[in-house]
Amino acid sequence: MYIGADFLIDKDLRLYLSEVNTGVPAGAQEFDFVYEAKHKKPSGVFQKIESLSKKYTGKNFFDYINGLPFIDESIFED
């Protein structure tokens, strides 16, 4: 699980906390979109998530999330 913090930045570059949440890394997709728009190549964030999951849990990320006792597996079904 991840802790996420969302900030707003004003014209003077001051940060304002707008949201704090916990959960799976949905922000990774947002990060990848922005990174690719700026750098014209994928960020590699998804491979990093997979690598960390395998290193620390011995499972790919999908199996790790699916194996958490408080996650209802039906949310992953079509």
N, C-alpha and C. Protein backbone atom coordinates (compact mmCIF):
# COMPACT_ATOMS: atom_id res chain seq x y z
N MET A 1 0.84 -1.17 0.00
CA MET A 1 0.00 0.00 0.00
C MET A 1 0.89 1.24 0.00
N TYR A 2 0.34 2.31 -0.51
CA TYR A 2 1.08 3.56 -0.63
C TYR A 2 0.32 4.68 0.07
N ILE A 3 1.04 5.67 0.54
CA ILE A 3 0.44 6.90 1.04
C ILE A 3 0.69 7.95 -0.02
N GLY A 4 -0.36 8.61 -0.43
CA GLY A 4 -0.24 9.64 -1.45
C GLY A 4 -0.64 10.99 -0.90
N ALA A 5 0.05 12.00 -1.30
CA ALA A 5 -0.29 13.37 -0.94
C ALA A 5 -0.37 14.19 -2.22
N ASP A 6 -1.47 14.89 -2.39
CA ASP A 6 -1.66 15.74 -3.57
C ASP A 6 -1.54 17.19 -3.14
N PHE A 7 -0.83 17.96 -3.94
CA PHE A 7 -0.60 19.36 -3.63
C PHE A 7 -1.06 20.23 -4.79
N LEU A 8 -1.48 21.42 -4.46
CA LEU A 8 -1.70 22.47 -5.45
C LEU A 8 -0.53 23.43 -5.32
N ILE A 9 -0.09 23.98 -6.43
CA ILE A 9 1.03 24.92 -6.43
C ILE A 9 0.54 26.23 -7.04
N ASP A 10 0.73 27.33 -6.29
CA ASP A 10 0.28 28.61 -6.83
C ASP A 10 1.39 29.26 -7.67
N LYS A 11 1.10 30.44 -8.20
CA LYS A 11 2.05 31.11 -9.10
C LYS A 11 3.37 31.47 -8.43
N ASP A 12 3.37 31.53 -7.10
CA ASP A 12 4.60 31.83 -6.35
C ASP A 12 5.29 30.56 -5.85
N LEU A 13 4.87 29.42 -6.41
CA LEU A 13 5.42 28.11 -6.10
C LEU A 13 5.20 27.69 -4.64
N ARG A 14 4.16 28.21 -4.00
CA ARG A 14 3.80 27.77 -2.65
C ARG A 14 2.94 26.52 -2.78
N LEU A 15 3.20 25.56 -1.91
CA LEU A 15 2.47 24.29 -1.92
C LEU A 15 1.29 24.35 -0.96
N TYR A 16 0.17 23.78 -1.39
CA TYR A 16 -1.02 23.65 -0.56
C TYR A 16 -1.46 22.20 -0.61
N LEU A 17 -1.49 21.56 0.54
CA LEU A 17 -1.92 20.17 0.61
C LEU A 17 -3.40 20.10 0.31
N SER A 18 -3.78 19.31 -0.68
CA SER A 18 -5.19 19.22 -1.05
C SER A 18 -5.80 17.87 -0.73
N GLU A 19 -4.96 16.82 -0.61
CA GLU A 19 -5.51 15.49 -0.36
C GLU A 19 -4.40 14.57 0.13
N VAL A 20 -4.77 13.72 1.08
CA VAL A 20 -3.88 12.64 1.51
C VAL A 20 -4.70 11.37 1.43
N ASN A 21 -4.13 10.34 0.82
CA ASN A 21 -4.87 9.09 0.68
C ASN A 21 -3.93 7.90 0.79
N THR A 22 -4.51 6.75 1.01
CA THR A 22 -3.75 5.51 1.01
C THR A 22 -4.37 4.58 -0.02
N GLY A 23 -3.56 3.68 -0.53
CA GLY A 23 -4.10 2.73 -1.49
C GLY A 23 -3.06 2.25 -2.47
N VAL A 24 -3.55 1.70 -3.56
CA VAL A 24 -2.65 1.21 -4.61
C VAL A 24 -2.15 2.40 -5.41
N PRO A 25 -1.06 2.26 -6.13
CA PRO A 25 -0.43 3.42 -6.78
C PRO A 25 -1.11 3.87 -8.07
N ALA A 26 -2.32 4.37 -7.97
CA ALA A 26 -2.99 4.90 -9.16
C ALA A 26 -2.26 6.12 -9.67
N GLY A 27 -1.59 6.83 -8.79
CA GLY A 27 -0.81 7.99 -9.19
C GLY A 27 0.33 7.63 -10.12
N ALA A 28 0.71 6.37 -10.14
CA ALA A 28 1.78 5.94 -11.03
C ALA A 28 1.38 6.17 -12.48
N GLN A 29 0.13 5.94 -12.80
CA GLN A 29 -0.32 6.14 -14.17
C GLN A 29 -0.29 7.63 -14.52
N GLU A 30 -0.73 8.47 -13.58
CA GLU A 30 -0.68 9.90 -13.81
C GLU A 30 0.77 10.36 -14.00
N PHE A 31 1.66 9.86 -13.13
CA PHE A 31 3.08 10.21 -13.23
C PHE A 31 3.63 9.80 -14.60
N ASP A 32 3.28 8.60 -15.04
CA ASP A 32 3.79 8.10 -16.32
C ASP A 32 3.29 8.96 -17.48
N PHE A 33 2.01 9.37 -17.44
CA PHE A 33 1.48 10.24 -18.50
C PHE A 33 2.25 11.55 -18.58
N VAL A 34 2.47 12.18 -17.43
CA VAL A 34 3.17 13.47 -17.41
C VAL A 34 4.62 13.30 -17.84
N TYR A 35 5.28 12.27 -17.32
CA TYR A 35 6.67 12.02 -17.67
C TYR A 35 6.81 11.81 -19.18
N GLU A 36 5.93 10.99 -19.73
CA GLU A 36 6.02 10.70 -21.17
C GLU A 36 5.72 11.94 -22.01
N ALA A 37 4.77 12.76 -21.55
CA ALA A 37 4.47 13.99 -22.28
C ALA A 37 5.68 14.93 -22.29
N LYS A 38 6.40 14.98 -21.18
CA LYS A 38 7.55 15.88 -21.07
C LYS A 38 8.79 15.32 -21.75
N HIS A 39 9.07 14.02 -21.55
CA HIS A 39 10.34 13.43 -22.00
C HIS A 39 10.22 12.58 -23.27
N LYS A 40 9.00 12.39 -23.76
CA LYS A 40 8.75 11.62 -24.99
C LYS A 40 9.19 10.16 -24.88
N LYS A 41 9.16 9.62 -23.65
CA LYS A 41 9.45 8.20 -23.43
C LYS A 41 8.79 7.77 -22.12
N PRO A 42 8.46 6.49 -21.98
CA PRO A 42 7.84 6.01 -20.74
C PRO A 42 8.77 6.21 -19.54
N SER A 43 8.19 6.37 -18.38
CA SER A 43 8.96 6.63 -17.17
C SER A 43 9.63 5.39 -16.59
N GLY A 44 9.07 4.22 -16.85
CA GLY A 44 9.59 3.00 -16.24
C GLY A 44 9.03 2.75 -14.85
N VAL A 45 8.06 3.57 -14.43
CA VAL A 45 7.52 3.44 -13.07
C VAL A 45 6.85 2.09 -12.85
N PHE A 46 6.19 1.55 -13.86
CA PHE A 46 5.50 0.27 -13.68
C PHE A 46 6.49 -0.88 -13.51
N GLN A 47 7.59 -0.84 -14.23
CA GLN A 47 8.63 -1.86 -14.06
C GLN A 47 9.24 -1.74 -12.67
N LYS A 48 9.39 -0.52 -12.17
CA LYS A 48 9.94 -0.31 -10.83
C LYS A 48 8.99 -0.88 -9.77
N ILE A 49 7.71 -0.68 -9.92
CA ILE A 49 6.72 -1.23 -8.99
C ILE A 49 6.79 -2.74 -9.00
N GLU A 50 6.86 -3.34 -10.19
CA GLU A 50 6.97 -4.80 -10.29
C GLU A 50 8.24 -5.30 -9.63
N SER A 51 9.33 -4.63 -9.88
CA SER A 51 10.62 -5.03 -9.32
C SER A 51 10.60 -4.96 -7.79
N LEU A 52 10.08 -3.88 -7.25
CA LEU A 52 10.00 -3.75 -5.79
C LEU A 52 9.07 -4.78 -5.18
N SER A 53 7.95 -5.04 -5.84
CA SER A 53 7.01 -6.04 -5.33
C SER A 53 7.66 -7.41 -5.28
N LYS A 54 8.35 -7.79 -6.35
CA LYS A 54 9.01 -9.10 -6.37
C LYS A 54 10.12 -9.16 -5.34
N LYS A 55 10.87 -8.08 -5.18
CA LYS A 55 11.98 -8.06 -4.23
C LYS A 55 11.48 -8.20 -2.79
N TYR A 56 10.44 -7.47 -2.43
CA TYR A 56 10.01 -7.43 -1.04
C TYR A 56 8.89 -8.39 -0.68
N THR A 57 8.12 -8.85 -1.67
CA THR A 57 7.03 -9.78 -1.35
C THR A 57 7.20 -11.14 -2.01
N GLY A 58 8.09 -11.23 -3.01
CA GLY A 58 8.26 -12.48 -3.73
C GLY A 58 7.15 -12.73 -4.74
N LYS A 59 6.30 -11.72 -4.95
CA LYS A 59 5.16 -11.86 -5.86
C LYS A 59 5.15 -10.69 -6.83
N ASN A 60 4.51 -10.91 -8.01
CA ASN A 60 4.29 -9.75 -8.86
C ASN A 60 3.23 -8.87 -8.19
N PHE A 61 3.13 -7.62 -8.62
CA PHE A 61 2.28 -6.67 -7.91
C PHE A 61 0.81 -7.10 -7.91
N PHE A 62 0.32 -7.61 -9.02
CA PHE A 62 -1.07 -8.05 -9.11
C PHE A 62 -1.36 -9.13 -8.07
N ASP A 63 -0.48 -10.12 -7.98
CA ASP A 63 -0.69 -11.20 -7.01
C ASP A 63 -0.57 -10.71 -5.57
N TYR A 64 0.33 -9.75 -5.34
CA TYR A 64 0.45 -9.16 -4.01
C TYR A 64 -0.86 -8.48 -3.61
N ILE A 65 -1.37 -7.61 -4.48
CA ILE A 65 -2.62 -6.90 -4.18
C ILE A 65 -3.77 -7.88 -4.03
N ASN A 66 -3.85 -8.84 -4.92
CA ASN A 66 -4.93 -9.83 -4.86
C ASN A 66 -4.86 -10.67 -3.59
N GLY A 67 -3.68 -10.85 -3.03
CA GLY A 67 -3.50 -11.67 -1.84
C GLY A 67 -3.75 -10.95 -0.53
N LEU A 68 -3.95 -9.63 -0.57
CA LEU A 68 -4.22 -8.91 0.67
C LEU A 68 -5.59 -9.33 1.21
N PRO A 69 -5.68 -9.64 2.50
CA PRO A 69 -6.93 -10.17 3.04
C PRO A 69 -8.09 -9.19 3.01
N PHE A 70 -7.84 -7.90 2.93
CA PHE A 70 -8.93 -6.92 2.96
C PHE A 70 -9.33 -6.42 1.58
N ILE A 71 -8.75 -7.01 0.53
CA ILE A 71 -9.12 -6.65 -0.84
C ILE A 71 -10.09 -7.69 -1.38
N ASP A 72 -11.23 -7.21 -1.85
CA ASP A 72 -12.22 -8.09 -2.45
C ASP A 72 -11.77 -8.42 -3.87
N GLU A 73 -11.46 -9.69 -4.13
CA GLU A 73 -10.93 -10.08 -5.44
C GLU A 73 -11.87 -9.75 -6.59
N SER A 74 -13.15 -9.61 -6.33
CA SER A 74 -14.09 -9.38 -7.43
C SER A 74 -13.87 -8.02 -8.11
N ILE A 75 -13.15 -7.10 -7.47
CA ILE A 75 -12.92 -5.81 -8.13
C ILE A 75 -11.98 -5.95 -9.31
N PHE A 76 -11.25 -7.07 -9.40
CA PHE A 76 -10.32 -7.29 -10.51
C PHE A 76 -10.93 -8.09 -11.64
N GLU A 77 -12.19 -8.50 -11.49
CA GLU A 77 -12.84 -9.30 -12.51
C GLU A 77 -13.59 -8.40 -13.48
N ASP A 78 -13.73 -8.86 -14.72
CA ASP A 78 -14.51 -8.11 -15.72
C ASP A 78 -15.98 -8.20 -15.43
